[in-house]
C-alpha atoms as a PDB file:
ATOM      1  CA  MET A   1      89.211 126.170 131.298  1.00  0.00           C
ATOM      2  CA  ALA A   2      85.454 126.226 130.933  1.00  0.00           C
ATOM      3  CA  VAL A   3      84.015 123.755 128.430  1.00  0.00           C
ATOM      4  CA  PRO A   4      81.019 125.540 126.924  1.00  0.00           C
ATOM      5  CA  GLY A   5      78.511 124.487 124.294  1.00  0.00           C
ATOM      6  CA  GLN A   6      77.728 121.507 122.211  1.00  0.00           C
ATOM      7  CA  ASN A   7      79.956 118.735 120.905  1.00  0.00           C
ATOM      8  CA  VAL A   8      79.105 118.692 117.200  1.00  0.00           C
ATOM      9  CA  ALA A   9      80.624 115.624 115.483  1.00  0.00           C
ATOM     10  CA  VAL A  10      80.851 114.304 111.917  1.00  0.00           C
ATOM     11  CA  VAL A  11      79.565 110.728 112.059  1.00  0.00           C
ATOM     12  CA  GLY A  12      79.542 107.982 109.414  1.00  0.00           C
ATOM     13  CA  HIS A  13      76.641 105.573 109.966  1.00  0.00           C
ATOM     14  CA  ARG A  14      76.964 103.286 106.965  1.00  0.00           C
ATOM     15  CA  ALA A  15      77.996 103.563 103.305  1.00  0.00           C
ATOM     16  CA  GLY A  16      76.742 106.890 101.914  1.00  0.00           C
ATOM     17  CA  ASP A  17      75.308 108.079 105.248  1.00  0.00           C
ATOM     18  CA  LEU A  18      77.265 110.972 106.819  1.00  0.00           C
ATOM     19  CA  ARG A  19      75.656 113.106 109.541  1.00  0.00           C
ATOM     20  CA  LEU A  20      76.371 116.039 111.822  1.00  0.00           C
ATOM     21  CA  GLU A  21      75.351 115.024 115.345  1.00  0.00           C
ATOM     22  CA  ASN A  22      75.624 116.238 118.903  1.00  0.00           C
ATOM     23  CA  ARG A  23      77.651 113.931 121.099  1.00  0.00           C
ATOM     24  CA  PRO A  24      78.236 114.166 124.865  1.00  0.00           C
ATOM     25  CA  ILE A  25      81.428 116.028 125.832  1.00  0.00           C
ATOM     26  CA  PRO A  26      83.757 113.240 127.074  1.00  0.00           C
ATOM     27  CA  GLU A  27      85.461 113.219 130.476  1.00  0.00           C
ATOM     28  CA  PRO A  28      89.234 112.564 130.291  1.00  0.00           C
ATOM     29  CA  GLY A  29      90.630 109.561 132.185  1.00  0.00           C
ATOM     30  CA  PRO A  30      93.684 109.855 134.487  1.00  0.00           C
ATOM     31  CA  ASN A  31      96.177 109.737 131.584  1.00  0.00           C
ATOM     32  CA  GLU A  32      94.047 111.580 129.044  1.00  0.00           C
ATOM     33  CA  VAL A  33      93.374 115.167 128.048  1.00  0.00           C
ATOM     34  CA  LEU A  34      90.188 116.785 126.790  1.00  0.00           C
ATOM     35  CA  LEU A  35      90.814 118.884 123.690  1.00  0.00           C
ATOM     36  CA  ARG A  36      88.871 121.633 122.005  1.00  0.00           C
ATOM     37  CA  MET A  37      89.521 120.688 118.402  1.00  0.00           C
ATOM     38  CA  HIS A  38      90.757 123.369 116.025  1.00  0.00           C
ATOM     39  CA  SER A  39      91.795 122.009 112.614  1.00  0.00           C
ATOM     40  CA  VAL A  40      91.083 118.558 111.159  1.00  0.00           C
ATOM     41  CA  GLY A  41      92.104 117.530 107.635  1.00  0.00           C
ATOM     42  CA  ILE A  42      89.968 115.224 105.519  1.00  0.00           C
ATOM     43  CA  CYS A  43      91.831 112.096 104.408  1.00  0.00           C
ATOM     44  CA  GLY A  44      91.026 109.776 101.509  1.00  0.00           C
ATOM     45  CA  SER A  45      90.262 107.088 104.105  1.00  0.00           C
ATOM     46  CA  ASP A  46      87.555 109.289 105.679  1.00  0.00           C
ATOM     47  CA  VAL A  47      85.906 109.656 102.274  1.00  0.00           C
ATOM     48  CA  HIS A  48      86.260 105.908 101.643  1.00  0.00           C
ATOM     49  CA  TYR A  49      84.533 104.994 104.929  1.00  0.00           C
ATOM     50  CA  TRP A  50      81.739 107.458 104.072  1.00  0.00           C
ATOM     51  CA  GLN A  51      81.302 106.145 100.531  1.00  0.00           C
ATOM     52  CA  HIS A  52      81.832 102.408 101.092  1.00  0.00           C
ATOM     53  CA  GLY A  53      81.382 101.849 104.838  1.00  0.00           C
ATOM     54  CA  ARG A  54      84.599  99.822 104.993  1.00  0.00           C
ATOM     55  CA  ILE A  55      88.272  99.598 104.069  1.00  0.00           C
ATOM     56  CA  GLY A  56      89.383  95.994 103.685  1.00  0.00           C
ATOM     57  CA  ASP A  57      88.610  94.152 106.920  1.00  0.00           C
ATOM     58  CA  PHE A  58      87.747  97.366 108.788  1.00  0.00           C
ATOM     59  CA  VAL A  59      83.951  97.637 108.564  1.00  0.00           C
ATOM     60  CA  VAL A  60      81.760 100.420 109.995  1.00  0.00           C
ATOM     61  CA  LYS A  61      79.228  98.427 112.059  1.00  0.00           C
ATOM     62  CA  ASP A  62      78.240 101.188 114.507  1.00  0.00           C
ATOM     63  CA  PRO A  63      78.155 104.950 113.938  1.00  0.00           C
ATOM     64  CA  MET A  64      81.741 106.257 113.917  1.00  0.00           C
ATOM     65  CA  VAL A  65      83.142 109.776 114.244  1.00  0.00           C
ATOM     66  CA  LEU A  66      85.508 110.410 111.314  1.00  0.00           C
ATOM     67  CA  GLY A  67      88.789 112.362 111.221  1.00  0.00           C
ATOM     68  CA  HIS A  68      92.365 111.635 112.297  1.00  0.00           C
ATOM     69  CA  GLU A  69      94.544 114.511 110.975  1.00  0.00           C
ATOM     70  CA  ALA A  70      94.093 116.896 113.840  1.00  0.00           C
ATOM     71  CA  SER A  71      95.191 119.579 116.268  1.00  0.00           C
ATOM     72  CA  GLY A  72      93.505 121.394 119.126  1.00  0.00           C
ATOM     73  CA  THR A  73      93.810 123.057 122.523  1.00  0.00           C
ATOM     74  CA  VAL A  74      93.923 121.296 125.882  1.00  0.00           C
ATOM     75  CA  VAL A  75      90.916 122.287 128.025  1.00  0.00           C
ATOM     76  CA  LYS A  76      91.138 119.679 130.799  1.00  0.00           C
ATOM     77  CA  VAL A  77      93.815 117.245 131.949  1.00  0.00           C
ATOM     78  CA  GLY A  78      93.494 113.902 133.750  1.00  0.00           C
ATOM     79  CA  SER A  79      94.898 113.516 137.265  1.00  0.00           C
ATOM     80  CA  GLY A  80      98.019 111.677 136.051  1.00  0.00           C
ATOM     81  CA  VAL A  81      99.010 114.134 133.301  1.00  0.00           C
ATOM     82  CA  THR A  82     102.023 116.324 134.107  1.00  0.00           C
ATOM     83  CA  HIS A  83     103.478 117.461 130.753  1.00  0.00           C
ATOM     84  CA  LEU A  84     100.383 119.294 129.466  1.00  0.00           C
ATOM     85  CA  LYS A  85      98.121 121.958 130.929  1.00  0.00           C
ATOM     86  CA  PRO A  86      94.923 123.732 129.857  1.00  0.00           C
ATOM     87  CA  GLY A  87      95.667 126.224 127.080  1.00  0.00           C
ATOM     88  CA  ASP A  88      98.442 124.156 125.477  1.00  0.00           C
ATOM     89  CA  ARG A  89      98.145 123.819 121.700  1.00  0.00           C
ATOM     90  CA  VAL A  90      98.808 120.236 120.568  1.00  0.00           C
ATOM     91  CA  ALA A  91      99.067 117.981 117.535  1.00  0.00           C
ATOM     92  CA  ILE A  92      97.442 114.582 117.943  1.00  0.00           C
ATOM     93  CA  GLU A  93      99.046 111.291 116.963  1.00  0.00           C
ATOM     94  CA  PRO A  94      95.946 109.178 116.203  1.00  0.00           C
ATOM     95  CA  GLY A  95      97.430 105.722 116.879  1.00  0.00           C
ATOM     96  CA  VAL A  96      97.697 104.774 120.562  1.00  0.00           C
ATOM     97  CA  PRO A  97      98.841 101.280 121.605  1.00  0.00           C
ATOM     98  CA  ARG A  98      96.542  99.594 124.089  1.00  0.00           C
ATOM     99  CA  GLU A  99      99.176  97.217 125.510  1.00  0.00           C
ATOM    100  CA  MET A 100     102.944  96.964 125.824  1.00  0.00           C
ATOM    101  CA  ASP A 101     103.411  94.080 123.376  1.00  0.00           C
ATOM    102  CA  GLU A 102     106.497  92.922 121.452  1.00  0.00           C
ATOM    103  CA  PHE A 103     105.955  95.569 118.761  1.00  0.00           C
ATOM    104  CA  CYS A 104     105.818  98.384 121.296  1.00  0.00           C
ATOM    105  CA  LYS A 105     108.912  97.068 123.067  1.00  0.00           C
ATOM    106  CA  SER A 106     110.854  97.129 119.788  1.00  0.00           C
ATOM    107  CA  GLY A 107     109.692 100.674 118.973  1.00  0.00           C
ATOM    108  CA  ARG A 108     107.355  99.643 116.147  1.00  0.00           C
ATOM    109  CA  TYR A 109     104.119 100.316 117.963  1.00  0.00           C
ATOM    110  CA  ASN A 110     102.278 101.034 114.703  1.00  0.00           C
ATOM    111  CA  LEU A 111     102.279  97.253 114.097  1.00  0.00           C
ATOM    112  CA  SER A 112     100.597  96.408 117.411  1.00  0.00           C
ATOM    113  CA  PRO A 113      97.451  94.435 116.463  1.00  0.00           C
ATOM    114  CA  THR A 114      95.371  95.932 119.284  1.00  0.00           C
ATOM    115  CA  ILE A 115      96.305  99.584 118.655  1.00  0.00           C
ATOM    116  CA  PHE A 116      93.614 102.264 119.023  1.00  0.00           C
ATOM    117  CA  PHE A 117      93.421 104.394 115.891  1.00  0.00           C
ATOM    118  CA  CYS A 118      91.157 107.391 115.315  1.00  0.00           C
ATOM    119  CA  ALA A 119      88.423 106.774 112.729  1.00  0.00           C
ATOM    120  CA  THR A 120      89.312 103.143 112.112  1.00  0.00           C
ATOM    121  CA  PRO A 121      86.340 100.965 113.123  1.00  0.00           C
ATOM    122  CA  PRO A 122      85.341 100.636 115.871  1.00  0.00           C
ATOM    123  CA  ASP A 123      87.415 103.587 117.197  1.00  0.00           C
ATOM    124  CA  ASP A 124      85.954 107.107 116.958  1.00  0.00           C
ATOM    125  CA  GLY A 125      87.975 109.852 115.304  1.00  0.00           C
ATOM    126  CA  ASN A 126      88.293 113.511 116.237  1.00  0.00           C
ATOM    127  CA  LEU A 127      86.263 115.451 113.679  1.00  0.00           C
ATOM    128  CA  CYS A 128      84.229 117.082 116.414  1.00  0.00           C
ATOM    129  CA  ARG A 129      84.320 120.057 118.792  1.00  0.00           C
ATOM    130  CA  TYR A 130      85.583 118.192 121.868  1.00  0.00           C
ATOM    131  CA  TYR A 131      87.665 115.046 121.931  1.00  0.00           C
ATOM    132  CA  LYS A 132      89.640 113.136 124.587  1.00  0.00           C
ATOM    133  CA  HIS A 133      92.937 111.440 123.782  1.00  0.00           C
ATOM    134  CA  SER A 134      95.886 109.778 125.482  1.00  0.00           C
ATOM    135  CA  ALA A 135      98.083 112.612 126.768  1.00  0.00           C
ATOM    136  CA  SER A 136     101.284 110.779 125.736  1.00  0.00           C
ATOM    137  CA  TYR A 137     100.168 111.001 122.098  1.00  0.00           C
ATOM    138  CA  CYS A 138      99.423 114.732 122.213  1.00  0.00           C
ATOM    139  CA  TYR A 139     102.465 116.815 121.309  1.00  0.00           C
ATOM    140  CA  LYS A 140     102.813 120.449 122.302  1.00  0.00           C
ATOM    141  CA  LEU A 141     103.121 122.821 119.342  1.00  0.00           C
ATOM    142  CA  PRO A 142     105.680 125.642 119.456  1.00  0.00           C
ATOM    143  CA  ASP A 143     104.216 129.155 119.063  1.00  0.00           C
ATOM    144  CA  ASN A 144     105.518 129.465 115.495  1.00  0.00           C
ATOM    145  CA  VAL A 145     103.735 126.307 114.279  1.00  0.00           C
ATOM    146  CA  THR A 146     100.089 126.833 113.328  1.00  0.00           C
ATOM    147  CA  PHE A 147      97.172 124.533 114.159  1.00  0.00           C
ATOM    148  CA  GLU A 148      96.893 123.597 110.467  1.00  0.00           C
ATOM    149  CA  GLU A 149     100.563 122.667 110.327  1.00  0.00           C
ATOM    150  CA  GLY A 150      99.907 120.614 113.466  1.00  0.00           C
ATOM    151  CA  ALA A 151      97.078 118.762 111.725  1.00  0.00           C
ATOM    152  CA  LEU A 152      99.276 118.197 108.650  1.00  0.00           C
ATOM    153  CA  ILE A 153     101.850 116.348 110.768  1.00  0.00           C
ATOM    154  CA  GLU A 154      99.692 113.239 110.305  1.00  0.00           C
ATOM    155  CA  PRO A 155     100.059 112.992 106.492  1.00  0.00           C
ATOM    156  CA  LEU A 156     103.596 114.385 106.776  1.00  0.00           C
ATOM    157  CA  SER A 157     104.401 111.458 109.103  1.00  0.00           C
ATOM    158  CA  VAL A 158     103.490 109.016 106.339  1.00  0.00           C
ATOM    159  CA  GLY A 159     106.146 110.701 104.180  1.00  0.00           C
ATOM    160  CA  ILE A 160     108.736 110.623 106.971  1.00  0.00           C
ATOM    161  CA  HIS A 161     108.105 106.935 107.696  1.00  0.00           C
ATOM    162  CA  ALA A 162     108.062 105.980 103.992  1.00  0.00           C
ATOM    163  CA  CYS A 163     111.271 107.867 103.137  1.00  0.00           C
ATOM    164  CA  LYS A 164     113.029 106.380 106.172  1.00  0.00           C
ATOM    165  CA  ARG A 165     111.932 102.862 105.161  1.00  0.00           C
ATOM    166  CA  ALA A 166     113.073 103.642 101.603  1.00  0.00           C
ATOM    167  CA  GLY A 167     116.509 104.767 102.767  1.00  0.00           C
ATOM    168  CA  VAL A 168     116.414 108.205 101.115  1.00  0.00           C
ATOM    169  CA  THR A 169     119.760 109.915 101.684  1.00  0.00           C
ATOM    170  CA  LEU A 170     122.177 112.503 100.250  1.00  0.00           C
ATOM    171  CA  GLY A 171     122.095 112.379  96.467  1.00  0.00           C
ATOM    172  CA  SER A 172     119.259 109.848  96.116  1.00  0.00           C
ATOM    173  CA  LYS A 173     117.287 109.785  92.876  1.00  0.00           C
ATOM    174  CA  VAL A 174     113.631 109.225  93.780  1.00  0.00           C
ATOM    175  CA  PHE A 175     110.509 108.408  91.774  1.00  0.00           C
ATOM    176  CA  VAL A 176     107.242 109.302  93.519  1.00  0.00           C
ATOM    177  CA  SER A 177     104.215 107.680  91.900  1.00  0.00           C
ATOM    178  CA  GLY A 178     101.063 109.736  92.516  1.00  0.00           C
ATOM    179  CA  SER A 179     100.748 113.434  93.362  1.00  0.00           C
ATOM    180  CA  GLY A 180      97.900 113.470  95.887  1.00  0.00           C
ATOM    181  CA  PRO A 181      98.537 114.693  99.445  1.00  0.00           C
ATOM    182  CA  ILE A 182     100.623 111.610 100.325  1.00  0.00           C
ATOM    183  CA  GLY A 183     102.708 111.813  97.134  1.00  0.00           C
ATOM    184  CA  LEU A 184     103.334 115.485  97.886  1.00  0.00           C
ATOM    185  CA  VAL A 185     104.505 114.919 101.477  1.00  0.00           C
ATOM    186  CA  ASN A 186     106.887 112.264 100.157  1.00  0.00           C
ATOM    187  CA  VAL A 187     108.308 114.830  97.716  1.00  0.00           C
ATOM    188  CA  ILE A 188     108.771 117.337 100.560  1.00  0.00           C
ATOM    189  CA  VAL A 189     110.430 114.798 102.871  1.00  0.00           C
ATOM    190  CA  ALA A 190     112.625 113.206 100.172  1.00  0.00           C
ATOM    191  CA  LYS A 191     114.020 116.626  99.255  1.00  0.00           C
ATOM    192  CA  MET A 192     114.539 117.444 102.934  1.00  0.00           C
ATOM    193  CA  MET A 193     116.445 114.158 103.432  1.00  0.00           C
ATOM    194  CA  GLY A 194     118.877 115.028 100.658  1.00  0.00           C
ATOM    195  CA  ALA A 195     117.387 113.593  97.458  1.00  0.00           C
ATOM    196  CA  ALA A 196     119.227 115.113  94.493  1.00  0.00           C
ATOM    197  CA  ALA A 197     116.348 114.598  92.059  1.00  0.00           C
ATOM    198  CA  VAL A 198     112.679 113.726  92.543  1.00  0.00           C
ATOM    199  CA  VAL A 199     110.359 112.878  89.654  1.00  0.00           C
ATOM    200  CA  VAL A 200     106.582 112.653  90.158  1.00  0.00           C
ATOM    201  CA  THR A 201     103.936 111.055  87.945  1.00  0.00           C
ATOM    202  CA  ASP A 202     100.177 111.632  87.946  1.00  0.00           C
ATOM    203  CA  LEU A 203      97.218 111.908  85.578  1.00  0.00           C
ATOM    204  CA  SER A 204      96.322 115.394  86.825  1.00  0.00           C
ATOM    205  CA  ALA A 205      98.174 118.463  85.529  1.00  0.00           C
ATOM    206  CA  SER A 206      97.031 120.590  88.493  1.00  0.00           C
ATOM    207  CA  ARG A 207      98.355 118.070  90.995  1.00  0.00           C
ATOM    208  CA  LEU A 208     101.687 117.907  89.170  1.00  0.00           C
ATOM    209  CA  GLN A 209     101.845 121.707  89.288  1.00  0.00           C
ATOM    210  CA  LYS A 210     101.466 121.440  93.077  1.00  0.00           C
ATOM    211  CA  ALA A 211     104.295 118.854  93.125  1.00  0.00           C
ATOM    212  CA  LYS A 212     106.551 121.389  91.369  1.00  0.00           C
ATOM    213  CA  GLU A 213     105.502 123.990  93.933  1.00  0.00           C
ATOM    214  CA  VAL A 214     106.590 121.800  96.869  1.00  0.00           C
ATOM    215  CA  GLY A 215     109.955 120.868  95.342  1.00  0.00           C
ATOM    216  CA  ALA A 216     109.657 118.159  92.664  1.00  0.00           C
ATOM    217  CA  ASP A 217     112.451 118.461  90.103  1.00  0.00           C
ATOM    218  CA  PHE A 218     110.546 116.743  87.284  1.00  0.00           C
ATOM    219  CA  THR A 219     106.938 115.837  86.609  1.00  0.00           C
ATOM    220  CA  ILE A 220     105.425 113.476  84.053  1.00  0.00           C
ATOM    221  CA  GLN A 221     101.741 113.678  83.177  1.00  0.00           C
ATOM    222  CA  LEU A 222     100.580 110.167  82.354  1.00  0.00           C
ATOM    223  CA  GLN A 223      97.851 109.223  79.901  1.00  0.00           C
ATOM    224  CA  LYS A 224      97.710 105.672  78.589  1.00  0.00           C
ATOM    225  CA  GLU A 225     101.310 104.509  78.902  1.00  0.00           C
ATOM    226  CA  THR A 226     102.129 100.888  79.711  1.00  0.00           C
ATOM    227  CA  PRO A 227     104.054 100.306  82.970  1.00  0.00           C
ATOM    228  CA  GLN A 228     107.245  99.730  80.946  1.00  0.00           C
ATOM    229  CA  GLU A 229     106.716 103.014  79.086  1.00  0.00           C
ATOM    230  CA  VAL A 230     106.271 104.845  82.389  1.00  0.00           C
ATOM    231  CA  ALA A 231     109.539 103.316  83.628  1.00  0.00           C
ATOM    232  CA  SER A 232     111.446 104.456  80.546  1.00  0.00           C
ATOM    233  CA  LYS A 233     110.001 108.000  80.794  1.00  0.00           C
ATOM    234  CA  VAL A 234     111.154 108.173  84.425  1.00  0.00           C
ATOM    235  CA  GLU A 235     114.624 107.008  83.405  1.00  0.00           C
ATOM    236  CA  SER A 236     114.849 109.520  80.581  1.00  0.00           C
ATOM    237  CA  VAL A 237     113.918 112.580  82.674  1.00  0.00           C
ATOM    238  CA  LEU A 238     116.227 111.565  85.570  1.00  0.00           C
ATOM    239  CA  GLY A 239     119.044 110.521  83.271  1.00  0.00           C
ATOM    240  CA  CYS A 240     119.237 107.211  85.132  1.00  0.00           C
ATOM    241  CA  MET A 241     116.953 104.744  86.893  1.00  0.00           C
ATOM    242  CA  PRO A 242     115.972 105.872  90.413  1.00  0.00           C
ATOM    243  CA  GLU A 243     117.384 103.925  93.367  1.00  0.00           C
ATOM    244  CA  ILE A 244     114.126 104.541  95.212  1.00  0.00           C
ATOM    245  CA  THR A 245     110.488 104.448  94.165  1.00  0.00           C
ATOM    246  CA  VAL A 246     107.694 105.529  96.509  1.00  0.00           C
ATOM    247  CA  GLU A 247     104.356 104.227  95.210  1.00  0.00           C
ATOM    248  CA  CYS A 248     101.463 106.309  96.573  1.00  0.00           C
ATOM    249  CA  THR A 249      98.464 105.223  94.458  1.00  0.00           C
ATOM    250  CA  GLY A 250      97.877 101.519  95.124  1.00  0.00           C
ATOM    251  CA  VAL A 251      96.922 101.103  91.461  1.00  0.00           C
ATOM    252  CA  GLN A 252      98.120  97.787  89.971  1.00  0.00           C
ATOM    253  CA  ALA A 253      99.673  99.355  86.849  1.00  0.00           C
ATOM    254  CA  CYS A 254     101.524 101.887  89.023  1.00  0.00           C
ATOM    255  CA  ILE A 255     102.984  99.163  91.260  1.00  0.00           C
ATOM    256  CA  GLN A 256     104.117  97.353  88.095  1.00  0.00           C
ATOM    257  CA  ALA A 257     105.693 100.576  86.798  1.00  0.00           C
ATOM    258  CA  GLY A 258     107.374 101.017  90.181  1.00  0.00           C
ATOM    259  CA  ILE A 259     109.109  97.658  89.864  1.00  0.00           C
ATOM    260  CA  TYR A 260     110.215  98.232  86.271  1.00  0.00           C
ATOM    261  CA  ALA A 261     111.426 101.776  87.051  1.00  0.00           C
ATOM    262  CA  THR A 262     113.557 101.009  90.100  1.00  0.00           C
ATOM    263  CA  ARG A 263     117.274 100.525  89.557  1.00  0.00           C
ATOM    264  CA  SER A 264     118.660  97.041  90.243  1.00  0.00           C
ATOM    265  CA  GLY A 265     119.546  96.789  93.921  1.00  0.00           C
ATOM    266  CA  GLY A 266     117.133  99.618  94.728  1.00  0.00           C
ATOM    267  CA  THR A 267     114.026  99.847  96.893  1.00  0.00           C
ATOM    268  CA  LEU A 268     110.321 100.151  96.122  1.00  0.00           C
ATOM    269  CA  VAL A 269     108.136 101.295  99.031  1.00  0.00           C
ATOM    270  CA  LEU A 270     104.403 100.633  98.771  1.00  0.00           C
ATOM    271  CA  VAL A 271     102.489 103.441 100.465  1.00  0.00           C
ATOM    272  CA  GLY A 272      99.196 103.578  98.557  1.00  0.00           C
ATOM    273  CA  LEU A 273      96.833 100.701  99.293  1.00  0.00           C
ATOM    274  CA  GLY A 274      94.485  99.248  96.693  1.00  0.00           C
ATOM    275  CA  PRO A 275      92.939  95.810  96.246  1.00  0.00           C
ATOM    276  CA  GLU A 276      94.258  92.961  98.388  1.00  0.00           C
ATOM    277  CA  MET A 277      95.459  90.959  95.374  1.00  0.00           C
ATOM    278  CA  VAL A 278      97.532  92.574  92.621  1.00  0.00           C
ATOM    279  CA  THR A 279      99.493  91.063  89.755  1.00  0.00           C
ATOM    280  CA  VAL A 280     103.087  92.284  89.675  1.00  0.00           C
ATOM    281  CA  PRO A 281     106.304  91.322  87.831  1.00  0.00           C
ATOM    282  CA  ILE A 282     107.795  89.825  90.976  1.00  0.00           C
ATOM    283  CA  VAL A 283     110.453  87.843  89.090  1.00  0.00           C
ATOM    284  CA  ASN A 284     111.721  91.057  87.487  1.00  0.00           C
ATOM    285  CA  ALA A 285     112.111  92.492  91.012  1.00  0.00           C
ATOM    286  CA  ALA A 286     113.672  89.289  92.342  1.00  0.00           C
ATOM    287  CA  VAL A 287     116.363  88.816  89.710  1.00  0.00           C
ATOM    288  CA  ARG A 288     117.323  92.493  89.929  1.00  0.00           C
ATOM    289  CA  GLU A 289     117.365  92.477  93.757  1.00  0.00           C
ATOM    290  CA  VAL A 290     114.767  95.234  93.986  1.00  0.00           C
ATOM    291  CA  ASP A 291     113.589  95.272  97.604  1.00  0.00           C
ATOM    292  CA  ILE A 292     109.844  95.757  98.034  1.00  0.00           C
ATOM    293  CA  ARG A 293     108.894  97.235 101.408  1.00  0.00           C
ATOM    294  CA  GLY A 294     105.521  98.064 102.895  1.00  0.00           C
ATOM    295  CA  ILE A 295     104.619 100.759 105.363  1.00  0.00           C
ATOM    296  CA  PHE A 296     101.742 100.849 107.817  1.00  0.00           C
ATOM    297  CA  ARG A 297     101.028 104.399 108.924  1.00  0.00           C
ATOM    298  CA  TYR A 298     104.069 105.605 110.970  1.00  0.00           C
ATOM    299  CA  CYS A 299     105.782 105.539 114.341  1.00  0.00           C
ATOM    300  CA  ASN A 300     108.015 107.942 116.264  1.00  0.00           C
ATOM    301  CA  THR A 301     107.477 110.730 113.726  1.00  0.00           C
ATOM    302  CA  TRP A 302     105.691 113.543 115.603  1.00  0.00           C
ATOM    303  CA  PRO A 303     108.750 114.969 117.429  1.00  0.00           C
ATOM    304  CA  VAL A 304     110.755 114.929 114.171  1.00  0.00           C
ATOM    305  CA  ALA A 305     107.950 116.642 112.244  1.00  0.00           C
ATOM    306  CA  ILE A 306     107.493 119.340 114.905  1.00  0.00           C
ATOM    307  CA  SER A 307     111.245 120.083 114.857  1.00  0.00           C
ATOM    308  CA  LEU A 308     111.204 120.410 111.068  1.00  0.00           C
ATOM    309  CA  LEU A 309     108.167 122.704 111.090  1.00  0.00           C
ATOM    310  CA  ALA A 310     109.437 124.860 113.971  1.00  0.00           C
ATOM    311  CA  SER A 311     112.827 125.330 112.288  1.00  0.00           C
ATOM    312  CA  LYS A 312     111.074 126.226 109.005  1.00  0.00           C
ATOM    313  CA  ARG A 313     113.125 123.596 107.198  1.00  0.00           C
ATOM    314  CA  ILE A 314     109.971 122.376 105.482  1.00  0.00           C
ATOM    315  CA  ASN A 315     106.798 124.125 104.355  1.00  0.00           C
ATOM    316  CA  VAL A 316     103.529 122.191 104.285  1.00  0.00           C
ATOM    317  CA  LYS A 317     101.240 125.236 104.133  1.00  0.00           C
ATOM    318  CA  PRO A 318     100.725 125.027 100.327  1.00  0.00           C
ATOM    319  CA  LEU A 319      98.989 121.657 100.818  1.00  0.00           C
ATOM    320  CA  VAL A 320      95.873 123.303 102.301  1.00  0.00           C
ATOM    321  CA  THR A 321      93.677 124.490  99.441  1.00  0.00           C
ATOM    322  CA  HIS A 322      90.172 124.549 100.994  1.00  0.00           C
ATOM    323  CA  ARG A 323      88.758 125.453 104.412  1.00  0.00           C
ATOM    324  CA  PHE A 324      85.245 124.859 105.765  1.00  0.00           C
ATOM    325  CA  PRO A 325      83.665 125.435 109.172  1.00  0.00           C
ATOM    326  CA  LEU A 326      82.672 122.201 110.948  1.00  0.00           C
ATOM    327  CA  GLU A 327      78.988 122.928 110.243  1.00  0.00           C
ATOM    328  CA  LYS A 328      79.722 122.634 106.506  1.00  0.00           C
ATOM    329  CA  ALA A 329      81.414 119.237 106.830  1.00  0.00           C
ATOM    330  CA  LEU A 330      79.146 117.558 104.257  1.00  0.00           C
ATOM    331  CA  GLU A 331      80.107 120.177 101.669  1.00  0.00           C
ATOM    332  CA  ALA A 332      83.777 119.710 102.604  1.00  0.00           C
ATOM    333  CA  PHE A 333      83.509 115.931 102.110  1.00  0.00           C
ATOM    334  CA  GLU A 334      81.842 116.425  98.706  1.00  0.00           C
ATOM    335  CA  THR A 335      84.706 118.745  97.702  1.00  0.00           C
ATOM    336  CA  THR A 336      87.279 116.112  98.693  1.00  0.00           C
ATOM    337  CA  LYS A 337      85.349 113.365  96.902  1.00  0.00           C
ATOM    338  CA  ARG A 338      85.373 115.394  93.667  1.00  0.00           C
ATOM    339  CA  GLY A 339      89.169 115.559  93.918  1.00  0.00           C
ATOM    340  CA  GLU A 340      89.253 119.353  94.076  1.00  0.00           C
ATOM    341  CA  GLY A 341      92.394 120.978  95.439  1.00  0.00           C
ATOM    342  CA  VAL A 342      94.769 119.028  97.661  1.00  0.00           C
ATOM    343  CA  LYS A 343      93.980 119.110 101.380  1.00  0.00           C
ATOM    344  CA  VAL A 344      90.573 120.190 102.683  1.00  0.00           C
ATOM    345  CA  MET A 345      90.703 121.464 106.270  1.00  0.00           C
ATOM    346  CA  LEU A 346      87.738 121.607 108.648  1.00  0.00           C
ATOM    347  CA  LYS A 347      87.739 124.342 111.282  1.00  0.00           C
ATOM    348  CA  CYS A 348      86.159 123.026 114.472  1.00  0.00           C
ATOM    349  CA  ASP A 349      86.435 126.035 116.783  1.00  0.00           C
ATOM    350  CA  PRO A 350      83.697 128.578 115.986  1.00  0.00           C
ATOM    351  CA  THR A 351      85.637 131.271 117.905  1.00  0.00           C
ATOM    352  CA  ASP A 352      88.869 130.779 115.912  1.00  0.00           C
ATOM    353  CA  GLN A 353      88.800 129.966 112.201  1.00  0.00           C
ATOM    354  CA  ASN A 354      92.420 131.032 111.608  1.00  0.00           C
ATOM    355  CA  PRO A 355      95.014 128.623 110.159  1.00  0.00           C
END
């Protein structure tokens, strides 16, 4: 396929400095494919890199292309690529291991310390017109799965990985703390995995309304409750303490509430990331045998997500509330920063702005 035109990219230079720039169109290596990008979602981490120039130890030192929730069309394949061809529509898994280390061998490649990851310094993301990526981490989309659904597999994967680590199963009672995009995908996946009741907390009434829309059984709008009060509200709406809590905010008080709310012998999964040091009632968790588990991104989730989307067992379409052409990326980032809607999607192909 011909590769016409310019490679417009959304580039973070340092804190507060986001630019639209032309970049050279990359040439795929033997095991890579060149993609014409179609739909890229804006993540909270993209906004954080733009606003602060860093997340923890990951610091933007050189200009970096943002974006990692993405789908596109193959336009060129490397000499060693056999499973993809030009014209294939694909979803992109943004984390690609650079070496076959112990974590890769055990199937937990997300923990590999040298992994490449889109839009995590110093690795460029894919919020651009043309992008090359490892062919093994590009997954062909069935005809009945849209590009936007393909891009949403990335946040959806966080929900799949978190709910698997939490042990959600038939009849589980689940408390999801936070109703942003990641809270919402955890609601969707928990219900899909058989949760009997899911309760969601948030400060925002509109976000809780969206949680109801995607399948939450109960919602609690928080104001100034103490963590213990939050826990007792969760227990009263569920009729019991949840066996599983999925904490998606990273806020200290919410992690505390997560511990207090979880039934003895249950599991708390920490998904949202906040400050490095937080004060939590660890003895309360210890004496009640509440397991606290972390997650780092995801692994082995794209094939599962594609199967679920293709079979129409789950619906992620309601998550997309705003769309902008790539040229209006700065406006799109401002919209996300203001907390409007749920998922803001950038449309990178000027010839096809459809979902």
